[in-house]
Amino acid sequence: MKSTTSPFARLAHMALIEAEAEYEIELLNPWADPEQLVALNPSKRVPCLQLDDGTVLTEAMVIAMYAADIAPEGSHLKSNTSHDYEICGLAFGVIEAAVYMMTGRKLFSDDLGVDEFDRTHPVAQRRRDAMIVGLGRIEALVDRLSENRLGLAELLVVDAVQYMDFRFPDSDWRPEIPRLDAWIERAHEHRSVSETIPS
């Protein structure tokens, strides 16, 4: 189960594609507490993956770990290094900061398009700073990213940048990340990226 706007669900979906897994996607709105999601995941969040034997996996990183386990030998999902994990942490931090901003908007106005929270709350400034600094650090590490084989680090970086651009398209605070933007453009040749763009 996924929402097309959730960066967490997108990460799980991309990882399953890279793992060459067989799966069915059920699209839903987690904010509406759909019965089928609530029945499987007490957190009422996506992603949620039910395996053929009835096992239920929740949370993006858990599903990504499962995808690495079932990926064929030679998959880049299986070859994480400490350098990869450094990038993973930075990218995940950007994603969480952006999601926090959206949650703040929901709490302030119940409308994700209203940015009063962004402009008035000190916590929003901290989250925005986290995104700016995080993306800047990833920009400095872009040479570590593979273009030919996408692993967890690459998937998280794509997810972070494209989710931020999806949610804050007119922001005047997005940092200049030309090398990273160019890398993401090249990464679009991969099905896991092109078929999961947030919408």
Protein backbone atom coordinates (compact mmCIF):
# COMPACT_ATOMS: atom_id res chain seq x y z
CA MET A 1 0.00 0.00 0.00
CA LYS A 2 1.28 3.43 -0.86
CA SER A 3 0.40 7.03 -1.49
CA THR A 4 1.92 8.67 -4.55
CA THR A 5 2.90 11.69 -2.45
CA SER A 6 4.71 9.78 0.32
CA PRO A 7 8.52 9.77 0.08
CA PHE A 8 8.61 6.82 2.49
CA ALA A 9 6.29 4.78 0.29
CA ARG A 10 8.31 5.80 -2.75
CA LEU A 11 11.53 4.55 -1.16
CA ALA A 12 9.96 1.15 -0.49
CA HIS A 13 8.54 1.00 -4.02
CA MET A 14 11.86 1.92 -5.64
CA ALA A 15 13.69 -0.67 -3.56
CA LEU A 16 11.24 -3.40 -4.58
CA ILE A 17 11.72 -2.47 -8.24
CA GLU A 18 15.50 -2.61 -7.88
CA ALA A 19 15.13 -5.99 -6.13
CA GLU A 20 13.18 -7.28 -9.15
CA ALA A 21 10.36 -8.28 -6.79
CA GLU A 22 6.86 -9.23 -7.84
CA TYR A 23 4.26 -7.07 -6.12
CA GLU A 24 0.90 -5.37 -6.47
CA ILE A 25 0.42 -1.69 -5.61
CA GLU A 26 -2.68 -0.45 -3.83
CA LEU A 27 -2.95 3.34 -3.84
CA LEU A 28 -4.70 5.03 -0.94
CA ASN A 29 -4.82 8.18 1.18
CA PRO A 30 -3.43 7.36 4.65
CA TRP A 31 -4.89 10.57 6.10
CA ALA A 32 -8.35 9.10 5.49
CA ASP A 33 -7.57 6.06 7.70
CA PRO A 34 -8.68 3.52 5.09
CA GLU A 35 -9.90 0.30 6.64
CA GLN A 36 -7.45 -1.94 4.81
CA LEU A 37 -4.45 0.10 6.00
CA VAL A 38 -5.64 0.40 9.60
CA ALA A 39 -6.22 -3.37 9.73
CA LEU A 40 -2.60 -4.09 8.78
CA ASN A 41 -0.63 -1.20 10.24
CA PRO A 42 -1.51 0.24 13.66
CA SER A 43 0.54 3.34 12.81
CA LYS A 44 -1.88 4.04 9.92
CA ARG A 45 1.07 4.92 7.68
CA VAL A 46 2.37 3.91 4.30
CA PRO A 47 4.22 2.00 3.06
CA CYS A 48 2.74 -1.27 4.14
CA LEU A 49 3.66 -4.55 2.45
CA GLN A 50 1.82 -7.82 2.99
CA LEU A 51 3.78 -10.88 1.89
CA ASP A 52 2.26 -14.00 0.36
CA ASP A 53 2.47 -15.83 3.70
CA GLY A 54 0.52 -13.07 5.45
CA THR A 55 3.52 -11.38 7.07
CA VAL A 56 3.06 -7.60 7.20
CA LEU A 57 6.06 -5.29 6.80
CA THR A 58 5.76 -1.62 7.72
CA GLU A 59 8.10 1.38 7.58
CA ALA A 60 10.15 2.32 4.54
CA MET A 61 13.56 1.28 5.81
CA VAL A 62 12.28 -2.14 6.92
CA ILE A 63 10.80 -2.78 3.47
CA ALA A 64 14.02 -1.52 1.84
CA MET A 65 16.01 -3.96 4.01
CA TYR A 66 13.67 -6.76 2.96
CA ALA A 67 14.13 -5.74 -0.69
CA ALA A 68 17.91 -6.00 -0.24
CA ASP A 69 17.48 -9.47 1.25
CA ILE A 70 15.45 -10.77 -1.70
CA ALA A 71 17.42 -8.93 -4.41
CA PRO A 72 19.47 -11.11 -6.75
CA GLU A 73 23.17 -11.53 -6.15
CA GLY A 74 25.07 -8.59 -7.57
CA SER A 75 22.33 -6.09 -6.79
CA HIS A 76 23.65 -2.74 -5.57
CA LEU A 77 21.07 -2.97 -2.78
CA LYS A 78 23.34 -5.58 -1.19
CA SER A 79 26.60 -3.64 -1.34
CA ASN A 80 26.31 -0.80 1.19
CA THR A 81 29.50 0.69 2.60
CA SER A 82 30.03 3.11 5.46
CA HIS A 83 30.23 5.89 2.84
CA ASP A 84 26.83 4.79 1.48
CA TYR A 85 25.35 4.86 4.96
CA GLU A 86 26.66 8.39 5.47
CA ILE A 87 24.75 9.53 2.39
CA CYS A 88 21.69 7.51 3.47
CA GLY A 89 21.59 9.35 6.78
CA LEU A 90 21.91 12.76 5.16
CA ALA A 91 19.20 12.03 2.60
CA PHE A 92 16.85 10.49 5.15
CA GLY A 93 17.30 13.58 7.30
CA VAL A 94 16.24 15.80 4.38
CA ILE A 95 13.17 13.64 3.79
CA GLU A 96 12.15 13.67 7.44
CA ALA A 97 12.61 17.45 7.66
CA ALA A 98 10.41 17.97 4.60
CA VAL A 99 7.72 15.63 5.92
CA TYR A 100 7.84 17.45 9.27
CA MET A 101 7.15 20.70 7.43
CA MET A 102 4.12 19.13 5.75
CA THR A 103 2.87 17.79 9.07
CA GLY A 104 3.25 21.27 10.56
CA ARG A 105 1.15 22.71 7.76
CA LYS A 106 -1.50 20.05 8.38
CA LEU A 107 -1.60 20.91 12.08
CA PHE A 108 -1.66 24.68 11.54
CA SER A 109 -4.23 24.93 8.77
CA ASP A 110 -5.30 21.43 7.71
CA ASP A 111 -4.14 22.45 4.23
CA LEU A 112 -0.78 21.30 2.88
CA GLY A 113 -0.77 24.21 0.43
CA VAL A 114 -0.84 26.89 3.16
CA ASP A 115 2.67 27.80 4.32
CA GLU A 116 1.88 29.77 7.49
CA PHE A 117 3.73 27.18 9.57
CA ASP A 118 6.83 27.54 7.37
CA ARG A 119 6.90 31.31 7.83
CA THR A 120 5.99 31.67 11.50
CA HIS A 121 7.17 28.72 13.54
CA PRO A 122 10.79 28.47 14.80
CA VAL A 123 10.75 24.69 14.42
CA ALA A 124 10.00 25.15 10.72
CA GLN A 125 13.17 27.21 10.37
CA ARG A 126 15.17 24.39 11.96
CA ARG A 127 13.67 21.86 9.54
CA ARG A 128 14.33 24.14 6.57
CA ASP A 129 17.94 24.58 7.71
CA ALA A 130 18.24 20.79 7.97
CA MET A 131 17.14 20.43 4.35
CA ILE A 132 19.50 23.14 3.12
CA VAL A 133 22.56 21.84 4.95
CA GLY A 134 21.75 18.21 4.21
CA LEU A 135 21.44 18.80 0.47
CA GLY A 136 24.64 20.85 0.49
CA ARG A 137 26.55 18.00 2.08
CA ILE A 138 25.15 15.48 -0.37
CA GLU A 139 26.17 17.80 -3.22
CA ALA A 140 29.75 17.57 -1.94
CA LEU A 141 29.53 13.76 -1.97
CA VAL A 142 27.86 13.30 -5.34
CA ASP A 143 30.92 11.57 -6.81
CA ARG A 144 30.21 8.63 -4.51
CA LEU A 145 26.84 7.99 -6.16
CA SER A 146 26.58 5.38 -8.89
CA GLU A 147 24.76 6.14 -12.11
CA ASN A 148 24.65 2.57 -13.38
CA ARG A 149 23.51 0.67 -10.30
CA LEU A 150 21.10 2.14 -7.77
CA GLY A 151 21.41 1.12 -4.15
CA LEU A 152 19.89 2.46 -0.98
CA ALA A 153 22.02 5.62 -0.97
CA GLU A 154 21.10 6.49 -4.54
CA LEU A 155 17.40 5.79 -3.99
CA LEU A 156 17.29 7.95 -0.87
CA VAL A 157 19.05 10.84 -2.59
CA VAL A 158 16.62 10.80 -5.53
CA ASP A 159 13.73 10.56 -3.09
CA ALA A 160 14.96 13.45 -0.94
CA VAL A 161 15.60 15.94 -3.73
CA GLN A 162 12.50 15.16 -5.74
CA TYR A 163 10.22 15.17 -2.69
CA MET A 164 11.56 18.56 -1.63
CA ASP A 165 11.04 19.93 -5.13
CA PHE A 166 7.54 18.41 -5.22
CA ARG A 167 6.48 19.98 -1.92
CA PHE A 168 8.35 23.30 -2.14
CA PRO A 169 8.38 24.07 -5.89
CA ASP A 170 8.53 27.85 -5.53
CA SER A 171 10.87 28.07 -2.56
CA ASP A 172 13.51 30.78 -2.63
CA TRP A 173 15.64 28.90 -0.11
CA ARG A 174 16.46 25.75 -2.08
CA PRO A 175 20.26 25.50 -2.21
CA GLU A 176 22.16 25.42 -5.48
CA ILE A 177 23.04 21.75 -6.09
CA PRO A 178 23.97 21.65 -9.79
CA ARG A 179 26.03 18.45 -9.69
CA LEU A 180 23.33 16.64 -7.76
CA ASP A 181 20.58 17.92 -10.06
CA ALA A 182 22.57 16.68 -13.06
CA TRP A 183 23.09 13.28 -11.44
CA ILE A 184 19.36 12.94 -10.73
CA GLU A 185 18.56 13.81 -14.33
CA ARG A 186 20.78 10.94 -15.46
CA ALA A 187 19.26 8.60 -12.86
CA HIS A 188 15.87 9.00 -14.57
CA GLU A 189 16.84 6.28 -17.02
CA HIS A 190 16.21 3.77 -14.25
CA ARG A 191 12.68 2.39 -14.02
CA SER A 192 12.71 2.66 -10.23
CA VAL A 193 13.07 6.43 -10.58
CA SER A 194 10.96 7.20 -13.65
CA GLU A 195 7.94 5.12 -12.58
CA THR A 196 7.68 6.44 -9.01
CA ILE A 197 7.89 10.23 -9.37
CA PRO A 198 5.70 11.88 -6.69
CA SER A 199 2.39 13.24 -7.93
